[in-house]
C-alpha atoms as a PDB file:
ATOM      1  CA  HIS A   1      -7.924  28.101 -11.224  1.00  0.00           C
ATOM      2  CA  HIS A   2      -4.636  28.759  -9.507  1.00  0.00           C
ATOM      3  CA  LEU A   3      -3.812  31.524  -7.081  1.00  0.00           C
ATOM      4  CA  GLY A   4      -1.726  33.991  -9.024  1.00  0.00           C
ATOM      5  CA  CYS A   5       0.240  37.112  -8.149  1.00  0.00           C
ATOM      6  CA  GLY A   6      -2.063  39.472  -6.240  1.00  0.00           C
ATOM      7  CA  MET A   7      -4.800  36.921  -5.721  1.00  0.00           C
ATOM      8  CA  TYR A   8      -6.085  35.732  -2.383  1.00  0.00           C
ATOM      9  CA  GLN A   9      -8.016  32.641  -1.474  1.00  0.00           C
ATOM     10  CA  HIS A  10     -11.181  34.778  -0.983  1.00  0.00           C
ATOM     11  CA  ASP A  11     -10.862  35.870  -4.683  1.00  0.00           C
ATOM     12  CA  ILE A  12     -11.608  32.312  -5.813  1.00  0.00           C
ATOM     13  CA  SER A  13     -14.959  30.516  -5.528  1.00  0.00           C
ATOM     14  CA  GLN A  14     -14.926  28.712  -2.205  1.00  0.00           C
ATOM     15  CA  THR A  15     -16.439  25.616  -3.734  1.00  0.00           C
ATOM     16  CA  LYS A  16     -13.586  25.388  -6.313  1.00  0.00           C
ATOM     17  CA  LEU A  17     -10.955  26.127  -3.685  1.00  0.00           C
ATOM     18  CA  THR A  18     -12.254  23.411  -1.390  1.00  0.00           C
ATOM     19  CA  ALA A  19     -12.426  20.889  -4.286  1.00  0.00           C
ATOM     20  CA  SER A  20      -8.899  21.758  -5.425  1.00  0.00           C
ATOM     21  CA  LEU A  21      -7.489  21.485  -1.834  1.00  0.00           C
ATOM     22  CA  ASP A  22      -9.214  18.153  -1.347  1.00  0.00           C
ATOM     23  CA  GLU A  23      -7.693  16.874  -4.645  1.00  0.00           C
ATOM     24  CA  ILE A  24      -4.204  17.815  -3.440  1.00  0.00           C
ATOM     25  CA  VAL A  25      -4.691  16.073  -0.117  1.00  0.00           C
ATOM     26  CA  VAL A  26      -5.864  12.922  -1.879  1.00  0.00           C
ATOM     27  CA  GLU A  27      -2.852  13.082  -4.182  1.00  0.00           C
ATOM     28  CA  CYS A  28      -0.471  13.436  -1.278  1.00  0.00           C
ATOM     29  CA  VAL A  29      -2.090  10.627   0.686  1.00  0.00           C
ATOM     30  CA  SER A  30      -1.863   8.397  -2.417  1.00  0.00           C
ATOM     31  CA  PHE A  31       1.770   9.306  -2.927  1.00  0.00           C
ATOM     32  CA  VAL A  32       3.067   9.170   0.678  1.00  0.00           C
ATOM     33  CA  GLY A  33       0.486   6.956   2.357  1.00  0.00           C
ATOM     34  CA  VAL A  34      -0.718   7.304   5.978  1.00  0.00           C
ATOM     35  CA  ASN A  35       0.353   5.797   9.287  1.00  0.00           C
ATOM     36  CA  VAL A  36      -2.869   4.100  10.403  1.00  0.00           C
ATOM     37  CA  ASN A  37      -1.732   4.130  14.030  1.00  0.00           C
ATOM     38  CA  THR A  38      -1.471   7.999  14.195  1.00  0.00           C
ATOM     39  CA  CYS A  39      -3.556   9.233  11.306  1.00  0.00           C
ATOM     40  CA  SER A  40      -6.675  11.303  11.963  1.00  0.00           C
ATOM     41  CA  GLU A  41     -10.099  10.276  10.791  1.00  0.00           C
ATOM     42  CA  HIS A  42     -10.157  13.377   8.605  1.00  0.00           C
ATOM     43  CA  LEU A  43      -7.067  12.142   6.650  1.00  0.00           C
ATOM     44  CA  LEU A  44      -7.946   8.472   6.726  1.00  0.00           C
ATOM     45  CA  LYS A  45     -11.188   9.196   4.737  1.00  0.00           C
ATOM     46  CA  ARG A  46      -8.949  10.486   1.867  1.00  0.00           C
ATOM     47  CA  VAL A  47      -7.451   7.014   1.425  1.00  0.00           C
ATOM     48  CA  ALA A  48      -8.673   5.069  -1.610  1.00  0.00           C
ATOM     49  CA  GLY A  49     -11.514   2.792  -0.568  1.00  0.00           C
ATOM     50  CA  LEU A  50     -12.153   4.389   2.748  1.00  0.00           C
ATOM     51  CA  THR A  51     -15.242   6.492   3.474  1.00  0.00           C
ATOM     52  CA  ALA A  52     -15.862   8.798   6.377  1.00  0.00           C
ATOM     53  CA  THR A  53     -17.736   5.939   8.117  1.00  0.00           C
ATOM     54  CA  ARG A  54     -14.872   3.435   7.587  1.00  0.00           C
ATOM     55  CA  ALA A  55     -12.287   5.980   8.719  1.00  0.00           C
ATOM     56  CA  LYS A  56     -14.239   6.604  11.904  1.00  0.00           C
ATOM     57  CA  ALA A  57     -14.537   2.813  12.511  1.00  0.00           C
ATOM     58  CA  ILE A  58     -10.732   2.461  12.040  1.00  0.00           C
ATOM     59  CA  VAL A  59     -10.043   5.224  14.617  1.00  0.00           C
ATOM     60  CA  GLU A  60     -12.592   3.781  17.025  1.00  0.00           C
ATOM     61  CA  TYR A  61     -11.132   0.297  16.647  1.00  0.00           C
ATOM     62  CA  ARG A  62      -7.623   1.689  17.247  1.00  0.00           C
ATOM     63  CA  GLU A  63      -8.777   3.527  20.402  1.00  0.00           C
ATOM     64  CA  LYS A  64     -10.472   0.373  21.777  1.00  0.00           C
ATOM     65  CA  HIS A  65      -7.922  -2.257  20.840  1.00  0.00           C
ATOM     66  CA  GLY A  66      -4.618  -0.329  20.541  1.00  0.00           C
ATOM     67  CA  GLU A  67      -2.288   0.021  17.548  1.00  0.00           C
ATOM     68  CA  PHE A  68      -2.580  -2.144  14.491  1.00  0.00           C
ATOM     69  CA  SER A  69       0.490  -4.394  14.185  1.00  0.00           C
ATOM     70  CA  THR A  70      -0.086  -5.500  10.552  1.00  0.00           C
ATOM     71  CA  ARG A  71      -2.123  -4.307   7.591  1.00  0.00           C
ATOM     72  CA  LEU A  72      -4.105  -7.516   7.819  1.00  0.00           C
ATOM     73  CA  ASP A  73      -5.520  -6.298  11.166  1.00  0.00           C
ATOM     74  CA  LEU A  74      -7.563  -3.764   9.251  1.00  0.00           C
ATOM     75  CA  LYS A  75      -9.866  -6.609   8.207  1.00  0.00           C
ATOM     76  CA  LYS A  76     -10.931  -6.894  11.844  1.00  0.00           C
ATOM     77  CA  VAL A  77     -12.624  -3.441  11.587  1.00  0.00           C
ATOM     78  CA  LYS A  78     -16.286  -3.387  10.797  1.00  0.00           C
ATOM     79  CA  GLY A  79     -16.805  -2.298   7.218  1.00  0.00           C
ATOM     80  CA  ILE A  80     -13.417  -3.365   5.940  1.00  0.00           C
ATOM     81  CA  GLY A  81     -13.928  -6.413   3.836  1.00  0.00           C
ATOM     82  CA  GLU A  82     -11.609  -7.994   1.201  1.00  0.00           C
ATOM     83  CA  LYS A  83     -12.563  -5.515  -1.496  1.00  0.00           C
ATOM     84  CA  VAL A  84     -12.022  -2.403   0.620  1.00  0.00           C
ATOM     85  CA  PHE A  85      -8.752  -3.870   2.012  1.00  0.00           C
ATOM     86  CA  GLN A  86      -7.512  -4.449  -1.513  1.00  0.00           C
ATOM     87  CA  GLN A  87      -8.242  -0.784  -2.330  1.00  0.00           C
ATOM     88  CA  CYS A  88      -6.708   0.844   0.663  1.00  0.00           C
ATOM     89  CA  ALA A  89      -3.882  -1.486   1.847  1.00  0.00           C
ATOM     90  CA  GLY A  90      -1.182  -0.062  -0.419  1.00  0.00           C
ATOM     91  CA  PHE A  91      -1.731   3.418   1.011  1.00  0.00           C
ATOM     92  CA  ILE A  92      -1.785   2.342   4.636  1.00  0.00           C
ATOM     93  CA  ARG A  93       1.502   2.247   6.554  1.00  0.00           C
ATOM     94  CA  ILE A  94       2.255   0.567   9.842  1.00  0.00           C
ATOM     95  CA  TYR A  95       5.294   1.836  11.758  1.00  0.00           C
ATOM     96  CA  MET A  96       5.934  -0.110  14.864  1.00  0.00           C
ATOM     97  CA  ALA A  97       8.354   1.079  17.562  1.00  0.00           C
ATOM     98  CA  GLU A  98      11.194  -1.405  18.097  1.00  0.00           C
ATOM     99  CA  SER A  99       9.929  -2.305  21.607  1.00  0.00           C
ATOM    100  CA  ALA A 100       6.419  -2.871  20.281  1.00  0.00           C
ATOM    101  CA  SER A 101       7.469  -4.908  17.228  1.00  0.00           C
ATOM    102  CA  ALA A 102       9.414  -7.280  19.481  1.00  0.00           C
ATOM    103  CA  SER A 103       6.269  -8.087  21.473  1.00  0.00           C
ATOM    104  CA  LYS A 104       3.828  -8.029  18.560  1.00  0.00           C
ATOM    105  CA  LYS A 105       3.901  -9.827  15.289  1.00  0.00           C
ATOM    106  CA  SER A 106       4.693  -7.232  12.515  1.00  0.00           C
ATOM    107  CA  ASN A 107       5.819  -7.209   8.939  1.00  0.00           C
ATOM    108  CA  PRO A 108       8.477  -4.606   7.954  1.00  0.00           C
ATOM    109  CA  LEU A 109       6.888  -4.438   4.482  1.00  0.00           C
ATOM    110  CA  ASP A 110       3.755  -2.900   6.112  1.00  0.00           C
ATOM    111  CA  ALA A 111       5.781   0.324   6.416  1.00  0.00           C
ATOM    112  CA  THR A 112       6.224   0.526   2.615  1.00  0.00           C
ATOM    113  CA  ASN A 113       4.077   1.250  -0.430  1.00  0.00           C
ATOM    114  CA  ILE A 114       4.398  -2.422  -1.442  1.00  0.00           C
ATOM    115  CA  HIS A 115       0.895  -3.877  -1.565  1.00  0.00           C
ATOM    116  CA  PRO A 116       0.331  -7.005   0.534  1.00  0.00           C
ATOM    117  CA  GLU A 117      -0.599  -8.924  -2.624  1.00  0.00           C
ATOM    118  CA  SER A 118       3.041  -8.660  -3.582  1.00  0.00           C
ATOM    119  CA  TYR A 119       4.498 -10.291  -0.389  1.00  0.00           C
END
């Protein structure tokens, strides 16, 4: 169902509305990707291959160890093995500030939708 002229969100089943909104968020995340260094746990769990538990682990790792400098750093997070990494890596972006990229090893392709398998 779509909201039409004269309809309000309370006119639609809340379950269907929630499911539709979740689908749209997943589509946007898949199309645009997420900056793993600033992204919320709530949005991270919408990335392919990531669950709520894995998203929480990523945020906790980031808070404890600081920003990720490459996509490969995700493999250091508990619960992110090779299979999960393959699923999520193309949707994860890493944007490093120029000052940080000079001091940390980074890959400019990590800020793109190009999957690490391709570089």
